[in-house]
C-alpha atoms as a PDB file:
ATOM      1  CA  UNK A   1    -113.555  77.379-220.965  1.00  0.00           C
ATOM      2  CA  UNK A   2    -110.127  76.882-218.841  1.00  0.00           C
ATOM      3  CA  UNK A   3    -109.872  79.651-216.004  1.00  0.00           C
ATOM      4  CA  UNK A   4    -106.766  78.076-214.212  1.00  0.00           C
ATOM      5  CA  UNK A   5    -108.791  77.793-211.003  1.00  0.00           C
ATOM      6  CA  UNK A   6    -105.815  76.667-208.984  1.00  0.00           C
ATOM      7  CA  UNK A   7    -104.641  80.081-209.297  1.00  0.00           C
ATOM      8  CA  UNK A   8    -107.601  81.888-208.655  1.00  0.00           C
ATOM      9  CA  UNK A   9    -109.558  82.277-204.972  1.00  0.00           C
ATOM     10  CA  UNK A  10    -106.536  80.935-203.371  1.00  0.00           C
ATOM     11  CA  UNK A  11    -107.625  83.866-200.765  1.00  0.00           C
ATOM     12  CA  UNK A  12    -105.436  84.629-197.614  1.00  0.00           C
ATOM     13  CA  UNK A  13    -103.132  80.953-198.212  1.00  0.00           C
ATOM     14  CA  UNK A  14    -101.545  83.122-201.126  1.00  0.00           C
ATOM     15  CA  UNK A  15     -99.940  85.547-198.685  1.00  0.00           C
ATOM     16  CA  UNK A  16     -97.892  83.324-197.281  1.00  0.00           C
ATOM     17  CA  UNK A  17     -96.378  81.504-200.002  1.00  0.00           C
ATOM     18  CA  UNK A  18     -93.204  78.811-199.934  1.00  0.00           C
ATOM     19  CA  UNK A  19     -89.994  80.452-201.137  1.00  0.00           C
ATOM     20  CA  UNK A  20     -89.708  80.488-204.942  1.00  0.00           C
ATOM     21  CA  UNK A  21     -87.351  78.540-206.921  1.00  0.00           C
ATOM     22  CA  UNK A  22     -86.309  80.731-209.722  1.00  0.00           C
ATOM     23  CA  UNK A  23     -88.998  81.940-211.719  1.00  0.00           C
ATOM     24  CA  UNK A  24     -88.640  81.920-215.388  1.00  0.00           C
ATOM     25  CA  UNK A  25     -88.625  85.543-217.195  1.00  0.00           C
ATOM     26  CA  UNK A  26     -91.075  85.184-220.032  1.00  0.00           C
ATOM     27  CA  UNK A  27     -90.033  87.503-222.874  1.00  0.00           C
ATOM     28  CA  UNK A  28     -92.379  89.434-224.753  1.00  0.00           C
ATOM     29  CA  UNK A  29     -93.531  87.591-228.176  1.00  0.00           C
ATOM     30  CA  UNK A  30     -92.170  84.066-226.547  1.00  0.00           C
ATOM     31  CA  UNK A  31     -93.723  80.774-228.130  1.00  0.00           C
ATOM     32  CA  UNK A  32     -96.738  80.169-225.915  1.00  0.00           C
ATOM     33  CA  UNK A  33     -96.245  77.596-223.265  1.00  0.00           C
ATOM     34  CA  UNK A  34     -99.157  75.431-221.346  1.00  0.00           C
ATOM     35  CA  UNK A  35     -99.580  77.186-217.908  1.00  0.00           C
ATOM     36  CA  UNK A  36     -97.399  76.401-215.177  1.00  0.00           C
ATOM     37  CA  UNK A  37     -98.558  75.636-212.044  1.00  0.00           C
ATOM     38  CA  UNK A  38     -95.940  77.992-210.332  1.00  0.00           C
ATOM     39  CA  UNK A  39     -95.990  81.982-211.678  1.00  0.00           C
ATOM     40  CA  UNK A  40     -93.649  83.429-213.778  1.00  0.00           C
ATOM     41  CA  UNK A  41     -92.311  86.714-213.741  1.00  0.00           C
ATOM     42  CA  UNK A  42     -93.881  89.015-216.637  1.00  0.00           C
ATOM     43  CA  UNK A  43     -92.361  92.311-217.547  1.00  0.00           C
ATOM     44  CA  UNK A  44     -94.740  94.822-216.659  1.00  0.00           C
ATOM     45  CA  UNK A  45     -94.604  96.633-219.653  1.00  0.00           C
ATOM     46  CA  UNK A  46     -95.891  93.386-221.823  1.00  0.00           C
ATOM     47  CA  UNK A  47     -99.044  93.618-219.592  1.00  0.00           C
ATOM     48  CA  UNK A  48    -102.139  95.632-220.884  1.00  0.00           C
ATOM     49  CA  UNK A  49    -105.442  96.248-218.340  1.00  0.00           C
ATOM     50  CA  UNK A  50    -108.710  94.089-219.112  1.00  0.00           C
ATOM     51  CA  UNK A  51    -110.949  96.668-221.195  1.00  0.00           C
ATOM     52  CA  UNK A  52    -114.000  94.921-219.122  1.00  0.00           C
ATOM     53  CA  UNK A  53    -112.909  95.383-215.905  1.00  0.00           C
ATOM     54  CA  UNK A  54    -115.566  96.403-213.616  1.00  0.00           C
ATOM     55  CA  UNK A  55    -113.475  98.150-210.937  1.00  0.00           C
ATOM     56  CA  UNK A  56    -113.530 101.851-211.965  1.00  0.00           C
ATOM     57  CA  UNK A  57    -112.008 103.637-209.000  1.00  0.00           C
ATOM     58  CA  UNK A  58    -108.492 103.120-207.582  1.00  0.00           C
ATOM     59  CA  UNK A  59    -107.498 105.411-204.591  1.00  0.00           C
ATOM     60  CA  UNK A  60    -104.717 106.993-205.229  1.00  0.00           C
ATOM     61  CA  UNK A  61    -103.404 106.997-201.713  1.00  0.00           C
ATOM     62  CA  UNK A  62    -103.997 103.384-201.412  1.00  0.00           C
ATOM     63  CA  UNK A  63    -102.038 102.456-204.363  1.00  0.00           C
ATOM     64  CA  UNK A  64     -98.885 104.707-203.149  1.00  0.00           C
ATOM     65  CA  UNK A  65     -98.984 102.688-199.861  1.00  0.00           C
ATOM     66  CA  UNK A  66     -99.066  99.104-201.892  1.00  0.00           C
ATOM     67  CA  UNK A  67     -96.583 100.307-204.162  1.00  0.00           C
ATOM     68  CA  UNK A  68     -94.411 101.104-200.972  1.00  0.00           C
ATOM     69  CA  UNK A  69     -95.015  97.958-199.738  1.00  0.00           C
ATOM     70  CA  UNK A  70     -94.418  96.067-202.803  1.00  0.00           C
ATOM     71  CA  UNK A  71     -90.760  97.661-203.202  1.00  0.00           C
ATOM     72  CA  UNK A  72     -90.004  96.220-199.828  1.00  0.00           C
ATOM     73  CA  UNK A  73     -91.591  92.779-200.019  1.00  0.00           C
ATOM     74  CA  UNK A  74     -92.349  92.181-203.335  1.00  0.00           C
ATOM     75  CA  UNK A  75     -95.922  91.449-204.602  1.00  0.00           C
ATOM     76  CA  UNK A  76     -97.018  88.577-202.255  1.00  0.00           C
ATOM     77  CA  UNK A  77     -99.697  87.224-204.562  1.00  0.00           C
ATOM     78  CA  UNK A  78     -99.493  86.734-208.672  1.00  0.00           C
ATOM     79  CA  UNK A  79    -101.680  88.511-210.730  1.00  0.00           C
ATOM     80  CA  UNK A  80    -103.781  86.141-213.650  1.00  0.00           C
ATOM     81  CA  UNK A  81    -103.062  87.053-217.200  1.00  0.00           C
ATOM     82  CA  UNK A  82    -104.304  85.890-220.526  1.00  0.00           C
ATOM     83  CA  UNK A  83    -102.406  85.686-223.632  1.00  0.00           C
ATOM     84  CA  UNK A  84    -103.404  88.467-226.213  1.00  0.00           C
ATOM     85  CA  UNK A  85    -101.147  87.540-229.169  1.00  0.00           C
ATOM     86  CA  UNK A  86     -97.806  88.693-228.521  1.00  0.00           C
ATOM     87  CA  UNK A  87     -98.628  90.581-225.347  1.00  0.00           C
ATOM     88  CA  UNK A  88    -100.574  89.763-222.283  1.00  0.00           C
ATOM     89  CA  UNK A  89    -104.028  91.126-220.947  1.00  0.00           C
ATOM     90  CA  UNK A  90    -104.958  91.350-216.963  1.00  0.00           C
ATOM     91  CA  UNK A  91    -107.631  89.057-216.057  1.00  0.00           C
ATOM     92  CA  UNK A  92    -107.353  89.743-212.275  1.00  0.00           C
ATOM     93  CA  UNK A  93    -105.060  91.792-210.081  1.00  0.00           C
ATOM     94  CA  UNK A  94    -104.544  95.603-211.942  1.00  0.00           C
ATOM     95  CA  UNK A  95    -104.225  97.034-208.310  1.00  0.00           C
ATOM     96  CA  UNK A  96    -101.164  94.983-207.921  1.00  0.00           C
ATOM     97  CA  UNK A  97    -100.140  95.856-211.229  1.00  0.00           C
ATOM     98  CA  UNK A  98    -100.474  99.773-210.909  1.00  0.00           C
ATOM     99  CA  UNK A  99     -98.775  99.712-208.029  1.00  0.00           C
ATOM    100  CA  UNK A 100     -95.995  96.938-209.317  1.00  0.00           C
ATOM    101  CA  UNK A 101     -95.480  99.878-212.091  1.00  0.00           C
ATOM    102  CA  UNK A 102     -95.758 102.814-209.589  1.00  0.00           C
ATOM    103  CA  UNK A 103     -92.920 100.713-207.573  1.00  0.00           C
ATOM    104  CA  UNK A 104     -90.610 100.765-210.537  1.00  0.00           C
ATOM    105  CA  UNK A 105     -90.587  97.126-210.556  1.00  0.00           C
ATOM    106  CA  UNK A 106     -89.644  95.711-214.178  1.00  0.00           C
ATOM    107  CA  UNK A 107     -91.496  92.577-213.871  1.00  0.00           C
ATOM    108  CA  UNK A 108     -94.712  91.148-211.772  1.00  0.00           C
ATOM    109  CA  UNK A 109     -95.463  87.250-210.613  1.00  0.00           C
ATOM    110  CA  UNK A 110     -98.496  85.956-212.953  1.00  0.00           C
ATOM    111  CA  UNK A 111    -100.102  82.935-213.529  1.00  0.00           C
ATOM    112  CA  UNK A 112    -101.054  82.467-217.428  1.00  0.00           C
ATOM    113  CA  UNK A 113    -104.673  81.207-217.485  1.00  0.00           C
ATOM    114  CA  UNK A 114    -106.387  80.081-220.920  1.00  0.00           C
ATOM    115  CA  UNK A 115    -109.368  82.446-221.092  1.00  0.00           C
ATOM    116  CA  UNK A 116    -111.636  83.436-223.972  1.00  0.00           C
ATOM    117  CA  UNK A 117    -111.938  87.057-224.370  1.00  0.00           C
ATOM    118  CA  UNK A 118    -115.543  86.566-224.276  1.00  0.00           C
ATOM    119  CA  UNK A 119    -114.994  85.304-220.603  1.00  0.00           C
ATOM    120  CA  UNK A 120    -112.919  88.404-219.509  1.00  0.00           C
ATOM    121  CA  UNK A 121    -115.848  90.169-217.301  1.00  0.00           C
ATOM    122  CA  UNK A 122    -117.380  87.274-216.000  1.00  0.00           C
ATOM    123  CA  UNK A 123    -114.209  86.054-214.550  1.00  0.00           C
ATOM    124  CA  UNK A 124    -113.160  89.375-213.724  1.00  0.00           C
ATOM    125  CA  UNK A 125    -116.337  90.046-211.847  1.00  0.00           C
ATOM    126  CA  UNK A 126    -116.539  86.867-209.873  1.00  0.00           C
ATOM    127  CA  UNK A 127    -112.952  87.322-208.832  1.00  0.00           C
ATOM    128  CA  UNK A 128    -113.939  90.853-207.521  1.00  0.00           C
ATOM    129  CA  UNK A 129    -117.102  89.601-205.826  1.00  0.00           C
ATOM    130  CA  UNK A 130    -115.507  86.532-204.105  1.00  0.00           C
ATOM    131  CA  UNK A 131    -113.085  89.610-202.564  1.00  0.00           C
ATOM    132  CA  UNK A 132    -115.914  92.426-202.186  1.00  0.00           C
ATOM    133  CA  UNK A 133    -113.461  94.446-204.268  1.00  0.00           C
ATOM    134  CA  UNK A 134    -116.603  96.347-206.323  1.00  0.00           C
ATOM    135  CA  UNK A 135    -119.203  98.868-204.784  1.00  0.00           C
ATOM    136  CA  UNK A 136    -122.451  98.570-205.324  1.00  0.00           C
ATOM    137  CA  UNK A 137    -122.735 100.625-208.824  1.00  0.00           C
ATOM    138  CA  UNK A 138    -119.686  98.901-210.322  1.00  0.00           C
ATOM    139  CA  UNK A 139    -121.180  95.205-209.817  1.00  0.00           C
ATOM    140  CA  UNK A 140    -124.343  96.803-211.011  1.00  0.00           C
ATOM    141  CA  UNK A 141    -122.548  97.828-214.180  1.00  0.00           C
ATOM    142  CA  UNK A 142    -120.913  94.684-214.758  1.00  0.00           C
ATOM    143  CA  UNK A 143    -124.027  92.848-214.076  1.00  0.00           C
ATOM    144  CA  UNK A 144    -125.774  94.899-217.001  1.00  0.00           C
ATOM    145  CA  UNK A 145    -122.466  94.070-219.256  1.00  0.00           C
ATOM    146  CA  UNK A 146    -123.184  90.664-218.428  1.00  0.00           C
ATOM    147  CA  UNK A 147    -126.645  91.441-219.135  1.00  0.00           C
ATOM    148  CA  UNK A 148    -126.235  92.937-222.403  1.00  0.00           C
ATOM    149  CA  UNK A 149    -124.029  89.718-223.589  1.00  0.00           C
ATOM    150  CA  UNK A 150    -127.050  87.292-223.225  1.00  0.00           C
ATOM    151  CA  UNK A 151    -127.179  86.366-219.472  1.00  0.00           C
ATOM    152  CA  UNK A 152    -130.254  86.356-217.518  1.00  0.00           C
ATOM    153  CA  UNK A 153    -130.756  87.605-214.579  1.00  0.00           C
ATOM    154  CA  UNK A 154    -130.438  83.784-213.062  1.00  0.00           C
ATOM    155  CA  UNK A 155    -127.941  83.121-214.663  1.00  0.00           C
ATOM    156  CA  UNK A 156    -125.833  85.915-213.730  1.00  0.00           C
ATOM    157  CA  UNK A 157    -126.358  85.092-210.211  1.00  0.00           C
ATOM    158  CA  UNK A 158    -125.452  81.431-210.565  1.00  0.00           C
ATOM    159  CA  UNK A 159    -122.221  82.757-212.192  1.00  0.00           C
ATOM    160  CA  UNK A 160    -121.256  84.717-209.440  1.00  0.00           C
ATOM    161  CA  UNK A 161    -122.661  83.098-206.618  1.00  0.00           C
ATOM    162  CA  UNK A 162    -125.450  85.455-205.703  1.00  0.00           C
ATOM    163  CA  UNK A 163    -129.652  84.954-206.128  1.00  0.00           C
ATOM    164  CA  UNK A 164    -131.414  86.616-208.764  1.00  0.00           C
ATOM    165  CA  UNK A 165    -133.254  89.047-206.775  1.00  0.00           C
ATOM    166  CA  UNK A 166    -129.880  90.550-205.767  1.00  0.00           C
ATOM    167  CA  UNK A 167    -128.919  90.957-209.247  1.00  0.00           C
ATOM    168  CA  UNK A 168    -132.260  92.582-210.031  1.00  0.00           C
ATOM    169  CA  UNK A 169    -131.973  95.076-207.318  1.00  0.00           C
ATOM    170  CA  UNK A 170    -128.249  96.016-208.185  1.00  0.00           C
ATOM    171  CA  UNK A 171    -129.634  96.625-211.817  1.00  0.00           C
ATOM    172  CA  UNK A 172    -132.377  98.826-210.287  1.00  0.00           C
ATOM    173  CA  UNK A 173    -129.577 101.182-208.783  1.00  0.00           C
ATOM    174  CA  UNK A 174    -128.729 102.012-212.533  1.00  0.00           C
ATOM    175  CA  UNK A 175    -131.962 103.945-212.960  1.00  0.00           C
ATOM    176  CA  UNK A 176    -130.984 106.809-210.699  1.00  0.00           C
ATOM    177  CA  UNK A 177    -129.610 109.940-211.876  1.00  0.00           C
ATOM    178  CA  UNK A 178    -125.671 109.379-212.413  1.00  0.00           C
ATOM    179  CA  UNK A 179    -124.997 112.076-209.552  1.00  0.00           C
ATOM    180  CA  UNK A 180    -126.933 109.604-206.890  1.00  0.00           C
ATOM    181  CA  UNK A 181    -124.882 106.405-208.300  1.00  0.00           C
ATOM    182  CA  UNK A 182    -121.282 108.750-207.265  1.00  0.00           C
ATOM    183  CA  UNK A 183    -122.956 109.078-203.985  1.00  0.00           C
ATOM    184  CA  UNK A 184    -123.172 105.531-203.499  1.00  0.00           C
ATOM    185  CA  UNK A 185    -119.770 105.063-205.081  1.00  0.00           C
ATOM    186  CA  UNK A 186    -118.030 107.466-202.612  1.00  0.00           C
ATOM    187  CA  UNK A 187    -120.272 105.426-199.499  1.00  0.00           C
ATOM    188  CA  UNK A 188    -122.467 108.921-198.818  1.00  0.00           C
ATOM    189  CA  UNK A 189    -125.271 106.597-199.389  1.00  0.00           C
ATOM    190  CA  UNK A 190    -125.701 103.234-198.619  1.00  0.00           C
ATOM    191  CA  UNK A 191    -127.674 100.698-200.546  1.00  0.00           C
ATOM    192  CA  UNK A 192    -130.643 100.462-198.786  1.00  0.00           C
ATOM    193  CA  UNK A 193    -130.747 104.557-198.590  1.00  0.00           C
ATOM    194  CA  UNK A 194    -130.473 104.270-202.336  1.00  0.00           C
ATOM    195  CA  UNK A 195    -133.555 101.777-202.308  1.00  0.00           C
ATOM    196  CA  UNK A 196    -135.505 103.807-200.754  1.00  0.00           C
ATOM    197  CA  UNK A 197    -134.916 106.901-203.163  1.00  0.00           C
ATOM    198  CA  UNK A 198    -136.006 104.425-206.023  1.00  0.00           C
ATOM    199  CA  UNK A 199    -139.192 104.592-204.323  1.00  0.00           C
ATOM    200  CA  UNK A 200    -139.697 108.376-204.660  1.00  0.00           C
ATOM    201  CA  UNK A 201    -140.985 109.167-208.260  1.00  0.00           C
ATOM    202  CA  UNK A 202    -140.863 113.154-207.827  1.00  0.00           C
ATOM    203  CA  UNK A 203    -137.281 114.259-209.114  1.00  0.00           C
ATOM    204  CA  UNK A 204    -137.308 116.945-206.328  1.00  0.00           C
ATOM    205  CA  UNK A 205    -138.261 115.046-203.487  1.00  0.00           C
ATOM    206  CA  UNK A 206    -136.141 112.713-204.241  1.00  0.00           C
ATOM    207  CA  UNK A 207    -133.389 115.044-204.078  1.00  0.00           C
ATOM    208  CA  UNK A 208    -134.354 116.607-201.046  1.00  0.00           C
ATOM    209  CA  UNK A 209    -134.694 113.301-199.046  1.00  0.00           C
ATOM    210  CA  UNK A 210    -130.989 112.619-200.751  1.00  0.00           C
ATOM    211  CA  UNK A 211    -129.913 115.453-199.141  1.00  0.00           C
ATOM    212  CA  UNK A 212    -131.084 114.977-195.618  1.00  0.00           C
ATOM    213  CA  UNK A 213    -130.077 111.782-195.700  1.00  0.00           C
ATOM    214  CA  UNK A 214    -126.359 112.811-196.410  1.00  0.00           C
ATOM    215  CA  UNK A 215    -126.567 116.029-194.333  1.00  0.00           C
ATOM    216  CA  UNK A 216    -127.951 114.852-190.933  1.00  0.00           C
ATOM    217  CA  UNK A 217    -126.913 110.821-191.570  1.00  0.00           C
ATOM    218  CA  UNK A 218    -130.145 109.546-191.625  1.00  0.00           C
ATOM    219  CA  UNK A 219    -130.461 105.198-191.122  1.00  0.00           C
ATOM    220  CA  UNK A 220    -132.362 103.716-193.771  1.00  0.00           C
ATOM    221  CA  UNK A 221    -135.583 103.744-191.272  1.00  0.00           C
ATOM    222  CA  UNK A 222    -135.521 107.008-191.052  1.00  0.00           C
ATOM    223  CA  UNK A 223    -135.450 107.819-194.347  1.00  0.00           C
ATOM    224  CA  UNK A 224    -137.929 105.550-195.246  1.00  0.00           C
ATOM    225  CA  UNK A 225    -140.230 107.245-192.990  1.00  0.00           C
ATOM    226  CA  UNK A 226    -139.506 110.980-194.929  1.00  0.00           C
ATOM    227  CA  UNK A 227    -140.476 109.190-198.084  1.00  0.00           C
ATOM    228  CA  UNK A 228    -143.722 107.733-196.777  1.00  0.00           C
ATOM    229  CA  UNK A 229    -144.321 111.512-195.194  1.00  0.00           C
ATOM    230  CA  UNK A 230    -146.590 114.016-197.025  1.00  0.00           C
ATOM    231  CA  UNK A 231    -144.145 116.633-198.225  1.00  0.00           C
ATOM    232  CA  UNK A 232    -145.417 119.827-196.287  1.00  0.00           C
ATOM    233  CA  UNK A 233    -144.988 117.007-193.121  1.00  0.00           C
ATOM    234  CA  UNK A 234    -141.410 115.982-193.933  1.00  0.00           C
ATOM    235  CA  UNK A 235    -140.536 119.681-194.266  1.00  0.00           C
ATOM    236  CA  UNK A 236    -141.992 120.783-191.154  1.00  0.00           C
ATOM    237  CA  UNK A 237    -140.481 118.117-189.129  1.00  0.00           C
ATOM    238  CA  UNK A 238    -138.160 118.746-186.538  1.00  0.00           C
ATOM    239  CA  UNK A 239    -134.521 116.955-186.491  1.00  0.00           C
ATOM    240  CA  UNK A 240    -133.968 113.988-184.501  1.00  0.00           C
ATOM    241  CA  UNK A 241    -130.858 114.090-182.745  1.00  0.00           C
ATOM    242  CA  UNK A 242    -128.553 111.003-183.487  1.00  0.00           C
ATOM    243  CA  UNK A 243    -127.725 109.193-180.345  1.00  0.00           C
ATOM    244  CA  UNK A 244    -124.591 110.576-178.733  1.00  0.00           C
ATOM    245  CA  UNK A 245    -121.626 107.901-178.913  1.00  0.00           C
ATOM    246  CA  UNK A 246    -118.712 108.083-176.664  1.00  0.00           C
ATOM    247  CA  UNK A 247    -116.492 111.188-178.152  1.00  0.00           C
ATOM    248  CA  UNK A 248    -113.007 109.582-177.268  1.00  0.00           C
ATOM    249  CA  UNK A 249    -113.751 106.269-178.796  1.00  0.00           C
ATOM    250  CA  UNK A 250    -115.273 108.298-181.661  1.00  0.00           C
ATOM    251  CA  UNK A 251    -111.942 110.542-182.274  1.00  0.00           C
ATOM    252  CA  UNK A 252    -110.071 106.886-182.473  1.00  0.00           C
ATOM    253  CA  UNK A 253    -112.049 105.310-185.030  1.00  0.00           C
ATOM    254  CA  UNK A 254    -111.816 108.671-186.952  1.00  0.00           C
ATOM    255  CA  UNK A 255    -107.922 108.920-186.853  1.00  0.00           C
ATOM    256  CA  UNK A 256    -107.768 104.989-187.769  1.00  0.00           C
ATOM    257  CA  UNK A 257    -110.418 105.258-190.550  1.00  0.00           C
ATOM    258  CA  UNK A 258    -108.121 108.434-191.915  1.00  0.00           C
ATOM    259  CA  UNK A 259    -104.615 106.527-191.516  1.00  0.00           C
ATOM    260  CA  UNK A 260    -105.727 103.357-192.944  1.00  0.00           C
ATOM    261  CA  UNK A 261    -108.254 104.331-195.523  1.00  0.00           C
ATOM    262  CA  UNK A 262    -110.905 101.629-194.467  1.00  0.00           C
ATOM    263  CA  UNK A 263    -113.941 100.688-192.496  1.00  0.00           C
ATOM    264  CA  UNK A 264    -112.995 100.716-188.655  1.00  0.00           C
ATOM    265  CA  UNK A 265    -115.542 100.146-185.932  1.00  0.00           C
ATOM    266  CA  UNK A 266    -114.659 100.127-181.951  1.00  0.00           C
ATOM    267  CA  UNK A 267    -117.185  97.291-180.015  1.00  0.00           C
ATOM    268  CA  UNK A 268    -117.006  98.208-176.286  1.00  0.00           C
ATOM    269  CA  UNK A 269    -116.019 100.632-173.889  1.00  0.00           C
ATOM    270  CA  UNK A 270    -112.703 102.718-173.487  1.00  0.00           C
ATOM    271  CA  UNK A 271    -111.719 100.240-170.700  1.00  0.00           C
ATOM    272  CA  UNK A 272    -111.967  97.226-172.715  1.00  0.00           C
ATOM    273  CA  UNK A 273    -113.212  95.995-176.171  1.00  0.00           C
ATOM    274  CA  UNK A 274    -111.910  94.879-179.723  1.00  0.00           C
ATOM    275  CA  UNK A 275    -111.078  97.020-183.180  1.00  0.00           C
ATOM    276  CA  UNK A 276    -112.714  95.953-186.122  1.00  0.00           C
ATOM    277  CA  UNK A 277    -110.367  96.580-189.322  1.00  0.00           C
ATOM    278  CA  UNK A 278    -112.072  95.937-192.609  1.00  0.00           C
ATOM    279  CA  UNK A 279    -109.890  95.099-195.793  1.00  0.00           C
ATOM    280  CA  UNK A 280    -111.042  93.830-199.636  1.00  0.00           C
ATOM    281  CA  UNK A 281    -108.990  91.638-201.121  1.00  0.00           C
ATOM    282  CA  UNK A 282    -105.040  90.241-200.652  1.00  0.00           C
ATOM    283  CA  UNK A 283    -103.495  93.256-201.716  1.00  0.00           C
ATOM    284  CA  UNK A 284    -105.892  95.449-199.898  1.00  0.00           C
ATOM    285  CA  UNK A 285    -104.626  93.063-196.468  1.00  0.00           C
ATOM    286  CA  UNK A 286    -101.105  93.829-197.941  1.00  0.00           C
ATOM    287  CA  UNK A 287    -101.548  97.509-197.660  1.00  0.00           C
ATOM    288  CA  UNK A 288    -103.357  97.671-194.271  1.00  0.00           C
ATOM    289  CA  UNK A 289    -100.978  95.214-192.963  1.00  0.00           C
ATOM    290  CA  UNK A 290     -98.050  97.452-193.958  1.00  0.00           C
ATOM    291  CA  UNK A 291     -99.237 100.567-192.323  1.00  0.00           C
ATOM    292  CA  UNK A 292    -100.079  98.433-189.075  1.00  0.00           C
ATOM    293  CA  UNK A 293     -96.413  96.837-189.236  1.00  0.00           C
ATOM    294  CA  UNK A 294     -94.877 100.599-189.745  1.00  0.00           C
ATOM    295  CA  UNK A 295     -93.618  99.323-193.462  1.00  0.00           C
ATOM    296  CA  UNK A 296     -95.574 102.206-194.849  1.00  0.00           C
END
């Protein structure tokens, strides 16, 4: 399979591209041409989403911020498409495509890659893994899709750059009830917490531990201890207070998380320290940067 590797995995370098020189607009139904090294402007209405896109959750607020940024600055990194008859199908970049449509732009810069239909899931999964764009359940569902197509766990791991045990541990998450999987997707439970719950056989006891993890903010270690405890002892155990943090710093962290809609950490003291802001992919960086620079 040819996947247009020069177009994929460019990373942050693609955020600062050289000025384009009049990209050609590709008309719907045009005669197929070999991929060009420079992206072409493709009509957004000529593009269909990848039916095997592993990412299922698209935050509406984040899409709105990205759409505002695209209205002002355009799309800074092209999406990747494959030809599908007279139309195009997304391989990488669905969030940018959705935001471009919301921004009212008629075209989007895109690189056309020669990708077989059977390789859509693998390629989209690899790109999302590299960008850390998938939550643990989306990743597990994608692994299950590849396994259903005949790939072994070891083969899946090689394709996405993870070891076999990581693939196996993610697949185990799908053994949890769907409500618990939703907790993982919403970041109410970490993967470590989910592993603890997988080791609890009794459904009612598992639910009780889940409720305490979410309600009390238990660490994974505390959840493990709770899972090993006898049911009677666990119910009578007094709650351990969480160590207090600086309330002023915590208020700042909470405000930044709310504004930026991503994970934020402050290291240090009120008098001196640093702020750590996470982003998950080039379009997410564009969204966060637009907020910080006052463009949102």
